[in-house]
C-alpha atoms as a PDB file:
ATOM      1  CA  MET A   1     -23.574  24.671  78.989  1.00  0.00           C
ATOM      2  CA  LYS A   2     -26.342  24.945  81.432  1.00  0.00           C
ATOM      3  CA  ASN A   3     -25.810  23.823  85.220  1.00  0.00           C
ATOM      4  CA  ARG A   4     -27.878  20.829  85.962  1.00  0.00           C
ATOM      5  CA  PRO A   5     -30.689  21.666  88.370  1.00  0.00           C
ATOM      6  CA  PRO A   6     -30.208  20.010  91.726  1.00  0.00           C
ATOM      7  CA  PHE A   7     -33.934  19.391  91.818  1.00  0.00           C
ATOM      8  CA  LEU A   8     -36.442  18.370  89.106  1.00  0.00           C
ATOM      9  CA  LEU A   9     -39.997  19.319  89.026  1.00  0.00           C
ATOM     10  CA  HIS A  10     -42.563  16.537  89.679  1.00  0.00           C
ATOM     11  CA  GLY A  11     -45.860  18.234  89.071  1.00  0.00           C
ATOM     12  CA  SER A  12     -45.833  21.079  91.732  1.00  0.00           C
ATOM     13  CA  GLN A  13     -43.218  19.255  93.704  1.00  0.00           C
ATOM     14  CA  ARG A  14     -39.418  19.618  93.502  1.00  0.00           C
ATOM     15  CA  ILE A  15     -37.611  16.180  93.823  1.00  0.00           C
ATOM     16  CA  SER A  16     -33.869  15.489  93.654  1.00  0.00           C
ATOM     17  CA  PHE A  17     -32.450  13.341  90.679  1.00  0.00           C
ATOM     18  CA  GLU A  18     -30.916  11.125  93.310  1.00  0.00           C
ATOM     19  CA  GLU A  19     -34.513  10.305  94.699  1.00  0.00           C
ATOM     20  CA  ILE A  20     -35.886   9.586  91.297  1.00  0.00           C
ATOM     21  CA  TYR A  21     -32.576   7.524  90.555  1.00  0.00           C
ATOM     22  CA  CYS A  22     -32.648   5.422  93.822  1.00  0.00           C
ATOM     23  CA  SER A  23     -36.570   4.902  93.681  1.00  0.00           C
ATOM     24  CA  HIS A  24     -36.538   3.569  90.006  1.00  0.00           C
ATOM     25  CA  TRP A  25     -33.224   2.205  89.129  1.00  0.00           C
ATOM     26  CA  LYS A  26     -33.778  -1.486  90.617  1.00  0.00           C
ATOM     27  CA  LYS A  27     -37.198  -1.584  88.951  1.00  0.00           C
ATOM     28  CA  LEU A  28     -35.937  -0.551  85.695  1.00  0.00           C
ATOM     29  CA  TYR A  29     -32.761  -2.677  85.865  1.00  0.00           C
ATOM     30  CA  LEU A  30     -34.764  -5.842  86.587  1.00  0.00           C
ATOM     31  CA  TYR A  31     -37.308  -5.028  83.606  1.00  0.00           C
ATOM     32  CA  ALA A  32     -33.999  -4.805  81.265  1.00  0.00           C
ATOM     33  CA  LEU A  33     -32.659  -7.753  82.720  1.00  0.00           C
ATOM     34  CA  LYS A  34     -35.684  -9.824  82.007  1.00  0.00           C
ATOM     35  CA  PHE A  35     -35.857  -8.494  78.450  1.00  0.00           C
ATOM     36  CA  THR A  36     -32.082  -8.992  77.632  1.00  0.00           C
ATOM     37  CA  GLY A  37     -31.031 -11.970  79.905  1.00  0.00           C
ATOM     38  CA  ASP A  38     -27.566 -10.136  80.295  1.00  0.00           C
ATOM     39  CA  SER A  39     -26.872  -8.487  83.567  1.00  0.00           C
ATOM     40  CA  GLN A  40     -24.305  -6.103  82.029  1.00  0.00           C
ATOM     41  CA  VAL A  41     -26.307  -5.265  79.031  1.00  0.00           C
ATOM     42  CA  ALA A  42     -29.374  -4.396  81.471  1.00  0.00           C
ATOM     43  CA  GLU A  43     -27.156  -2.205  83.596  1.00  0.00           C
ATOM     44  CA  ASP A  44     -25.896  -0.327  80.544  1.00  0.00           C
ATOM     45  CA  LEU A  45     -29.455   0.305  79.057  1.00  0.00           C
ATOM     46  CA  THR A  46     -30.639   1.352  82.516  1.00  0.00           C
ATOM     47  CA  GLN A  47     -27.714   3.929  82.723  1.00  0.00           C
ATOM     48  CA  GLU A  48     -28.388   5.334  79.284  1.00  0.00           C
ATOM     49  CA  VAL A  49     -32.089   5.831  80.189  1.00  0.00           C
ATOM     50  CA  PHE A  50     -31.178   7.787  83.370  1.00  0.00           C
ATOM     51  CA  LEU A  51     -28.428   9.872  81.450  1.00  0.00           C
ATOM     52  CA  TYR A  52     -31.234  10.634  78.614  1.00  0.00           C
ATOM     53  CA  PHE A  53     -33.838  11.396  81.269  1.00  0.00           C
ATOM     54  CA  LEU A  54     -31.259  13.935  82.904  1.00  0.00           C
ATOM     55  CA  GLU A  55     -30.775  15.726  79.554  1.00  0.00           C
ATOM     56  CA  LYS A  56     -34.156  15.635  78.525  1.00  0.00           C
ATOM     57  CA  ASN A  57     -35.549  16.802  81.984  1.00  0.00           C
ATOM     58  CA  GLU A  58     -33.380  20.158  81.222  1.00  0.00           C
ATOM     59  CA  GLU A  59     -35.428  20.628  77.936  1.00  0.00           C
ATOM     60  CA  LYS A  60     -38.906  19.860  79.246  1.00  0.00           C
ATOM     61  CA  GLU A  61     -40.858  19.504  82.151  1.00  0.00           C
ATOM     62  CA  ILE A  62     -41.456  15.616  82.670  1.00  0.00           C
ATOM     63  CA  ASN A  63     -44.394  14.941  85.093  1.00  0.00           C
ATOM     64  CA  ASN A  64     -44.609  11.190  85.469  1.00  0.00           C
ATOM     65  CA  HIS A  65     -40.936  10.105  85.828  1.00  0.00           C
ATOM     66  CA  ALA A  66     -41.867   6.383  86.355  1.00  0.00           C
ATOM     67  CA  ALA A  67     -43.789   6.204  83.050  1.00  0.00           C
ATOM     68  CA  TYR A  68     -41.145   8.494  81.242  1.00  0.00           C
ATOM     69  CA  LEU A  69     -38.387   6.163  82.437  1.00  0.00           C
ATOM     70  CA  LEU A  70     -39.983   2.965  81.659  1.00  0.00           C
ATOM     71  CA  SER A  71     -41.093   3.933  78.174  1.00  0.00           C
ATOM     72  CA  ALA A  72     -37.465   5.021  77.363  1.00  0.00           C
ATOM     73  CA  LEU A  73     -36.151   1.844  78.643  1.00  0.00           C
ATOM     74  CA  ARG A  74     -38.535  -0.102  76.502  1.00  0.00           C
ATOM     75  CA  TYR A  75     -37.363   1.880  73.616  1.00  0.00           C
ATOM     76  CA  GLN A  76     -33.673   1.238  74.481  1.00  0.00           C
ATOM     77  CA  CYS A  77     -34.374  -2.533  75.029  1.00  0.00           C
ATOM     78  CA  PHE A  78     -36.173  -2.650  71.581  1.00  0.00           C
ATOM     79  CA  ASN A  79     -33.529  -0.877  69.920  1.00  0.00           C
ATOM     80  CA  TRP A  80     -30.975  -3.276  71.631  1.00  0.00           C
ATOM     81  CA  GLN A  81     -32.914  -6.548  70.476  1.00  0.00           C
ATOM     82  CA  ARG A  82     -33.003  -4.944  66.963  1.00  0.00           C
ATOM     83  CA  ASN A  83     -29.360  -4.446  66.963  1.00  0.00           C
ATOM     84  CA  ASN A  84     -28.600  -7.720  68.598  1.00  0.00           C
ATOM     85  CA  ARG A  85     -30.819  -9.618  66.080  1.00  0.00           C
ATOM     86  CA  VAL A  86     -28.976  -7.928  63.022  1.00  0.00           C
ATOM     87  CA  SER A  87     -25.667  -8.799  64.477  1.00  0.00           C
ATOM     88  CA  GLU A  88     -26.773 -12.308  64.942  1.00  0.00           C
ATOM     89  CA  GLU A  89     -28.046 -12.615  61.432  1.00  0.00           C
ATOM     90  CA  HIS A  90     -24.546 -11.402  60.194  1.00  0.00           C
ATOM     91  CA  LEU A  91     -22.935 -13.913  62.329  1.00  0.00           C
ATOM     92  CA  GLU A  92     -25.064 -16.751  61.057  1.00  0.00           C
ATOM     93  CA  HIS A  93     -24.335 -15.603  57.532  1.00  0.00           C
ATOM     94  CA  VAL A  94     -20.602 -15.695  58.219  1.00  0.00           C
ATOM     95  CA  ARG A  95     -20.756 -19.093  59.786  1.00  0.00           C
ATOM     96  CA  LYS A  96     -22.653 -20.304  56.755  1.00  0.00           C
ATOM     97  CA  VAL A  97     -20.093 -18.800  54.329  1.00  0.00           C
ATOM     98  CA  SER A  98     -17.445 -20.205  56.395  1.00  0.00           C
ATOM     99  CA  ALA A  99     -18.664 -23.816  56.704  1.00  0.00           C
ATOM    100  CA  ASN A 100     -19.589 -23.707  53.101  1.00  0.00           C
ATOM    101  CA  SER A 101     -16.218 -22.500  52.209  1.00  0.00           C
ATOM    102  CA  THR A 102     -14.453 -25.313  54.219  1.00  0.00           C
ATOM    103  CA  GLU A 103     -16.650 -27.750  52.596  1.00  0.00           C
ATOM    104  CA  ASN A 104     -15.889 -26.597  49.255  1.00  0.00           C
ATOM    105  CA  ASP A 105     -12.200 -26.673  50.127  1.00  0.00           C
ATOM    106  CA  VAL A 106     -12.568 -30.288  51.411  1.00  0.00           C
ATOM    107  CA  ASN A 107     -14.405 -31.145  48.246  1.00  0.00           C
ATOM    108  CA  TYR A 108     -11.954 -29.336  45.982  1.00  0.00           C
ATOM    109  CA  THR A 109      -9.087 -31.217  47.682  1.00  0.00           C
ATOM    110  CA  PHE A 110     -10.785 -34.586  47.050  1.00  0.00           C
ATOM    111  CA  ALA A 111     -11.520 -33.697  43.467  1.00  0.00           C
ATOM    112  CA  VAL A 112      -8.000 -32.815  42.795  1.00  0.00           C
ATOM    113  CA  ASP A 113      -6.750 -35.887  44.483  1.00  0.00           C
ATOM    114  CA  ASP A 114      -9.272 -38.018  42.467  1.00  0.00           C
ATOM    115  CA  ILE A 115      -8.188 -36.237  39.072  1.00  0.00           C
ATOM    116  CA  LYS A 116      -4.459 -36.801  39.900  1.00  0.00           C
ATOM    117  CA  ARG A 117      -5.266 -40.501  40.679  1.00  0.00           C
ATOM    118  CA  VAL A 118      -7.060 -40.845  37.270  1.00  0.00           C
ATOM    119  CA  VAL A 119      -4.293 -39.160  35.313  1.00  0.00           C
ATOM    120  CA  SER A 120      -1.531 -41.135  36.791  1.00  0.00           C
ATOM    121  CA  ASP A 121      -3.369 -44.435  35.717  1.00  0.00           C
ATOM    122  CA  MET A 122      -3.965 -43.160  32.024  1.00  0.00           C
ATOM    123  CA  PRO A 123      -1.860 -44.630  29.488  1.00  0.00           C
ATOM    124  CA  ASP A 124       1.594 -42.729  29.163  1.00  0.00           C
ATOM    125  CA  LYS A 125       0.705 -41.088  25.686  1.00  0.00           C
ATOM    126  CA  TYR A 126      -2.627 -39.809  26.925  1.00  0.00           C
ATOM    127  CA  ARG A 127      -1.170 -38.574  30.521  1.00  0.00           C
ATOM    128  CA  GLU A 128       1.731 -36.804  28.703  1.00  0.00           C
ATOM    129  CA  VAL A 129      -0.648 -34.760  26.420  1.00  0.00           C
ATOM    130  CA  PHE A 130      -3.302 -34.174  29.047  1.00  0.00           C
ATOM    131  CA  GLU A 131      -0.823 -32.822  31.764  1.00  0.00           C
ATOM    132  CA  LEU A 132       0.849 -30.482  28.865  1.00  0.00           C
ATOM    133  CA  SER A 133      -2.505 -29.326  27.936  1.00  0.00           C
ATOM    134  CA  ARG A 134      -4.264 -28.894  31.098  1.00  0.00           C
ATOM    135  CA  PHE A 135      -1.563 -28.532  33.871  1.00  0.00           C
ATOM    136  CA  LYS A 136       0.916 -26.500  31.649  1.00  0.00           C
ATOM    137  CA  ASN A 137      -1.638 -24.734  29.498  1.00  0.00           C
ATOM    138  CA  LEU A 138       0.177 -25.453  26.443  1.00  0.00           C
ATOM    139  CA  PRO A 139      -1.745 -25.148  23.118  1.00  0.00           C
ATOM    140  CA  SER A 140      -2.227 -28.264  20.684  1.00  0.00           C
ATOM    141  CA  ASP A 141       0.148 -27.130  18.170  1.00  0.00           C
ATOM    142  CA  GLU A 142       3.051 -26.588  20.872  1.00  0.00           C
ATOM    143  CA  ILE A 143       2.360 -29.933  22.273  1.00  0.00           C
ATOM    144  CA  ALA A 144       2.509 -31.594  18.696  1.00  0.00           C
ATOM    145  CA  GLU A 145       5.772 -29.558  18.123  1.00  0.00           C
ATOM    146  CA  LYS A 146       7.188 -30.781  21.539  1.00  0.00           C
ATOM    147  CA  LEU A 147       6.528 -34.449  21.268  1.00  0.00           C
ATOM    148  CA  ALA A 148       7.287 -34.473  17.539  1.00  0.00           C
ATOM    149  CA  ILE A 149       3.460 -35.791  16.742  1.00  0.00           C
ATOM    150  CA  ASN A 150       0.860 -34.383  14.386  1.00  0.00           C
ATOM    151  CA  LYS A 151      -1.539 -31.798  15.899  1.00  0.00           C
ATOM    152  CA  ARG A 152      -4.464 -34.068  14.971  1.00  0.00           C
ATOM    153  CA  THR A 153      -2.931 -36.771  17.041  1.00  0.00           C
ATOM    154  CA  VAL A 154      -2.610 -34.458  20.221  1.00  0.00           C
ATOM    155  CA  GLU A 155      -6.255 -33.708  19.842  1.00  0.00           C
ATOM    156  CA  ASN A 156      -7.198 -37.329  19.624  1.00  0.00           C
ATOM    157  CA  ARG A 157      -5.163 -38.272  22.559  1.00  0.00           C
ATOM    158  CA  LEU A 158      -6.491 -35.369  24.650  1.00  0.00           C
ATOM    159  CA  SER A 159     -10.079 -36.251  23.708  1.00  0.00           C
ATOM    160  CA  GLY A 160      -9.283 -39.787  24.880  1.00  0.00           C
ATOM    161  CA  ALA A 161      -7.645 -38.758  28.014  1.00  0.00           C
ATOM    162  CA  LEU A 162     -10.874 -36.470  28.813  1.00  0.00           C
ATOM    163  CA  ARG A 163     -13.102 -39.372  27.986  1.00  0.00           C
ATOM    164  CA  ILE A 164     -11.149 -41.593  30.516  1.00  0.00           C
ATOM    165  CA  LEU A 165     -11.401 -38.797  33.125  1.00  0.00           C
ATOM    166  CA  ARG A 166     -15.278 -38.481  32.684  1.00  0.00           C
ATOM    167  CA  VAL A 167     -15.725 -42.108  32.976  1.00  0.00           C
ATOM    168  CA  SER A 168     -13.708 -42.451  36.023  1.00  0.00           C
ATOM    169  CA  LEU A 169     -14.955 -39.454  37.996  1.00  0.00           C
ATOM    170  CA  ARG A 170     -18.589 -40.241  37.247  1.00  0.00           C
ATOM    171  CA  THR A 171     -18.877 -42.665  40.019  1.00  0.00           C
END
């Protein structure tokens, strides 16, 4: 690993990194703060720019430190904004899905309660066939056998129960 030079070239002049840092940090920080509206983010972005600057200065000569630092900071700010916007879009999507899910859960609960109420108000013969068919998932022939009635009677009572349910839940 290379040793970092104690001085950086500024045109034909030698200038220390500390001088550059001290003379530009506050202006860059204030720019980032105005852009982001968050002091911690602004400080982090400004520090990242100076770290990047120190690394790049070893690779190439940078003549206009102020312009270079400001350009690098703008780039960092735009990246932060883009990443933050994507995060906000994901959060908004999660909020919408969560709200829809909660709303769907509430609607489902109300629908189940309404169905149970209508089923409990059905005539006994219709309710019994409906519950065996829909809640216990028994086929018509097993229901007929269990209740000692004709399969066609089971189908007629189930049709009647479904008709009652449709009419009652229509409102």
